Amino acid sequence: MGIANGIRKQAKKIAIGERHTSAWAQSLKEAAEELPPPPLHRLEKDGLDVSMAWAIIGIFGILFLAAVYLMSLILIPITLAVVVGMILGMAAEKLSRMGVPRLANAFILSSSVALVIFLLINSLADPLMTLANEGPAFAEQNHQPRHALSGAHHMAAYHAGDIQKRVDVDRCAARKHWQRAARGDK
């Protein structure tokens, strides 16, 4: 109690302005008041200083992005877990306010997450299998050169879905183009 009272009295004296200073402190205060104010110099920066500052910022930005890229294997699941945890936390709070017990709350939310994952995998399985089966043929057909004259025939064959027709149309258009070029027709 004695220390607390002493601190309170000291605080009151400081607030009122009754605090007495020693002679040594008073002489230092007077000497500091007699000194002229320090000159204010504005640091002039030329274009090289500004560009150097931006270069350093850019280097650290690139290093930060490289670190994020290298850590993406770890950061993506952690970020996903935090986001899902926040969303499920809000849902758990709302269910708790409605009077649902914690065990039932956990069962409901974990079952709903498992159901969403199952439905997502189920809906993506067929398109991924189609892509895996037809992907090499699609990539091979897209590596063939295209010609400007094959536009309408190419689109018609593409919509018909016959790959061989597309190749034949491209060859025919290329042949016609070179024949015209050889004759000098435009």
Protein backbone atom coordinates (compact mmCIF):
# COMPACT_ATOMS: atom_id res chain seq x y z
CA MET A 1 0.00 0.00 0.00
CA GLY A 2 2.88 2.36 0.77
CA ILE A 3 4.45 2.11 -2.69
CA ALA A 4 1.13 2.64 -4.42
CA ASN A 5 0.44 5.76 -2.32
CA GLY A 6 3.89 7.13 -3.10
CA ILE A 7 3.33 6.62 -6.84
CA ARG A 8 -0.06 8.33 -6.62
CA LYS A 9 1.43 11.34 -4.76
CA GLN A 10 4.23 11.62 -7.29
CA ALA A 11 1.71 11.49 -10.16
CA LYS A 12 -0.37 14.25 -8.53
CA LYS A 13 2.71 16.46 -8.10
CA ILE A 14 3.65 15.98 -11.75
CA ALA A 15 0.09 16.73 -12.86
CA ILE A 16 -0.08 19.91 -10.77
CA GLY A 17 3.44 21.03 -11.60
CA GLU A 18 4.79 21.06 -8.03
CA ARG A 19 7.63 18.73 -8.75
CA HIS A 20 10.95 20.18 -7.80
CA THR A 21 14.07 19.53 -9.85
CA SER A 22 17.62 19.48 -8.60
CA ALA A 23 20.08 22.26 -9.33
CA TRP A 24 22.06 20.04 -11.65
CA ALA A 25 18.94 19.14 -13.69
CA GLN A 26 17.93 22.80 -13.77
CA SER A 27 21.37 23.83 -15.12
CA LEU A 28 21.19 21.16 -17.83
CA LYS A 29 17.74 22.37 -18.81
CA GLU A 30 18.92 26.00 -19.07
CA ALA A 31 22.00 24.99 -21.09
CA ALA A 32 19.82 23.04 -23.51
CA GLU A 33 17.54 26.05 -23.95
CA GLU A 34 20.53 28.30 -24.81
CA LEU A 35 21.70 26.07 -27.67
CA PRO A 36 20.59 27.07 -31.17
CA PRO A 37 18.15 24.71 -32.84
CA PRO A 38 19.80 22.13 -35.07
CA PRO A 39 19.77 23.01 -38.76
CA LEU A 40 17.18 21.17 -40.79
CA HIS A 41 18.73 19.69 -43.91
CA ARG A 42 16.48 18.07 -46.43
CA LEU A 43 18.14 15.09 -47.96
CA GLU A 44 18.17 15.56 -51.70
CA LYS A 45 17.63 12.39 -53.65
CA ASP A 46 18.48 12.12 -57.29
CA GLY A 47 17.12 9.65 -59.80
CA LEU A 48 19.79 7.07 -59.02
CA ASP A 49 18.84 6.96 -55.33
CA VAL A 50 15.16 6.54 -56.16
CA SER A 51 15.85 3.85 -58.73
CA MET A 52 18.14 2.05 -56.28
CA ALA A 53 15.39 2.09 -53.63
CA TRP A 54 12.84 0.69 -56.10
CA ALA A 55 15.35 -1.93 -57.26
CA ILE A 56 15.81 -3.12 -53.68
CA ILE A 57 12.05 -3.24 -53.19
CA GLY A 58 11.72 -5.19 -56.46
CA ILE A 59 14.44 -7.66 -55.48
CA PHE A 60 12.77 -8.37 -52.16
CA GLY A 61 9.41 -8.66 -53.92
CA ILE A 62 10.84 -11.22 -56.33
CA LEU A 63 12.46 -13.12 -53.47
CA PHE A 64 9.15 -13.11 -51.58
CA LEU A 65 7.27 -14.46 -54.61
CA ALA A 66 9.95 -17.11 -55.14
CA ALA A 67 9.63 -18.17 -51.50
CA VAL A 68 5.85 -18.37 -51.84
CA TYR A 69 6.25 -20.41 -55.05
CA LEU A 70 8.70 -22.80 -53.41
CA MET A 71 6.51 -23.13 -50.32
CA SER A 72 3.28 -23.56 -52.32
CA LEU A 73 3.29 -27.28 -51.62
CA ILE A 74 2.88 -26.42 -47.95
CA LEU A 75 1.08 -23.07 -48.12
CA ILE A 76 -1.85 -24.12 -50.30
CA PRO A 77 -3.13 -26.88 -47.94
CA ILE A 78 -2.55 -24.68 -44.90
CA THR A 79 -4.45 -21.78 -46.47
CA LEU A 80 -7.26 -24.10 -47.52
CA ALA A 81 -7.42 -25.55 -44.00
CA VAL A 82 -7.60 -22.08 -42.44
CA VAL A 83 -10.37 -20.95 -44.81
CA VAL A 84 -12.39 -24.14 -44.35
CA GLY A 85 -11.84 -23.95 -40.59
CA MET A 86 -13.11 -20.38 -40.46
CA ILE A 87 -16.19 -21.25 -42.51
CA LEU A 88 -16.93 -24.36 -40.46
CA GLY A 89 -16.30 -22.39 -37.26
CA MET A 90 -18.97 -19.88 -38.20
CA ALA A 91 -21.34 -22.72 -39.08
CA ALA A 92 -20.57 -24.44 -35.75
CA GLU A 93 -21.32 -21.23 -33.84
CA LYS A 94 -24.66 -20.82 -35.59
CA LEU A 95 -25.59 -24.44 -34.89
CA SER A 96 -24.58 -24.02 -31.24
CA ARG A 97 -26.80 -20.94 -30.92
CA MET A 98 -29.69 -23.00 -32.27
CA GLY A 99 -29.14 -25.51 -29.44
CA VAL A 100 -27.37 -28.34 -31.29
CA PRO A 101 -24.96 -30.25 -28.98
CA ARG A 102 -21.25 -30.19 -29.80
CA LEU A 103 -21.00 -33.86 -30.73
CA ALA A 104 -23.95 -33.63 -33.12
CA ASN A 105 -22.50 -30.36 -34.43
CA ALA A 106 -19.18 -32.06 -35.25
CA PHE A 107 -20.93 -35.02 -36.87
CA ILE A 108 -23.16 -32.81 -39.03
CA LEU A 109 -20.30 -30.59 -40.24
CA SER A 110 -17.80 -33.41 -40.88
CA SER A 111 -20.47 -35.40 -42.75
CA SER A 112 -21.35 -32.39 -44.88
CA VAL A 113 -17.68 -31.79 -45.77
CA ALA A 114 -17.25 -35.48 -46.68
CA LEU A 115 -20.40 -35.32 -48.82
CA VAL A 116 -19.20 -32.23 -50.66
CA ILE A 117 -15.81 -33.84 -51.36
CA PHE A 118 -17.48 -37.04 -52.57
CA LEU A 119 -19.84 -35.15 -54.90
CA LEU A 120 -16.98 -33.04 -56.24
CA ILE A 121 -14.86 -36.10 -57.02
CA ASN A 122 -17.86 -37.91 -58.51
CA SER A 123 -18.72 -34.99 -60.79
CA LEU A 124 -15.11 -34.57 -61.99
CA ALA A 125 -14.32 -38.25 -62.54
CA ASP A 126 -15.99 -38.61 -65.97
CA PRO A 127 -14.52 -35.43 -67.53
CA LEU A 128 -11.06 -36.32 -66.22
CA MET A 129 -11.29 -39.84 -67.65
CA THR A 130 -12.35 -38.39 -71.01
CA LEU A 131 -9.46 -35.95 -70.93
CA ALA A 132 -7.02 -38.74 -70.06
CA ASN A 133 -8.29 -40.93 -72.91
CA GLU A 134 -8.60 -38.27 -75.62
CA GLY A 135 -5.93 -35.84 -74.44
CA PRO A 136 -3.01 -37.21 -76.50
CA ALA A 137 -5.04 -37.16 -79.73
CA PHE A 138 -6.22 -33.63 -79.00
CA ALA A 139 -2.67 -32.44 -78.32
CA GLU A 140 -1.40 -34.13 -81.47
CA GLN A 141 -4.05 -32.55 -83.68
CA ASN A 142 -3.37 -29.09 -82.23
CA HIS A 143 0.33 -29.29 -83.14
CA GLN A 144 -0.42 -29.40 -86.87
CA PRO A 145 0.14 -26.12 -88.73
CA ARG A 146 -2.85 -23.96 -89.53
CA HIS A 147 -3.39 -22.02 -92.76
CA ALA A 148 -5.41 -18.87 -93.32
CA LEU A 149 -7.52 -20.37 -96.13
CA SER A 150 -8.81 -23.31 -94.15
CA GLY A 151 -11.11 -21.27 -91.88
CA ALA A 152 -14.67 -22.23 -92.90
CA HIS A 153 -13.84 -25.82 -93.93
CA HIS A 154 -11.81 -26.28 -90.76
CA MET A 155 -14.67 -25.07 -88.54
CA ALA A 156 -17.18 -27.32 -90.33
CA ALA A 157 -14.94 -30.36 -89.91
CA TYR A 158 -14.22 -29.47 -86.29
CA HIS A 159 -17.90 -29.32 -85.44
CA ALA A 160 -18.51 -32.57 -87.28
CA GLY A 161 -15.97 -34.13 -84.92
CA ASP A 162 -14.00 -36.07 -87.50
CA ILE A 163 -10.27 -35.60 -87.03
CA GLN A 164 -9.34 -37.10 -90.40
CA LYS A 165 -11.62 -34.62 -92.18
CA ARG A 166 -9.81 -31.77 -90.42
CA VAL A 167 -6.44 -33.04 -91.60
CA ASP A 168 -7.72 -33.50 -95.17
CA VAL A 169 -9.30 -30.03 -95.20
CA ASP A 170 -6.05 -28.47 -93.97
CA ARG A 171 -4.01 -30.32 -96.63
CA CYS A 172 -6.47 -29.33 -99.36
CA ALA A 173 -6.44 -25.68 -98.30
CA ALA A 174 -2.66 -25.64 -98.15
CA ARG A 175 -2.44 -27.22 -101.61
CA LYS A 176 -4.84 -24.60 -103.05
CA HIS A 177 -2.91 -21.80 -101.38
CA TRP A 178 0.41 -22.93 -102.85
CA GLN A 179 -1.11 -23.49 -106.30
CA ARG A 180 -2.49 -19.95 -106.31
CA ALA A 181 0.82 -18.60 -105.09
CA ALA A 182 2.64 -20.45 -107.88
CA ARG A 183 0.28 -19.01 -110.52
CA GLY A 184 0.52 -15.52 -109.04
CA ASP A 185 -3.19 -15.32 -108.21
CA LYS A 186 -4.29 -13.51 -105.12
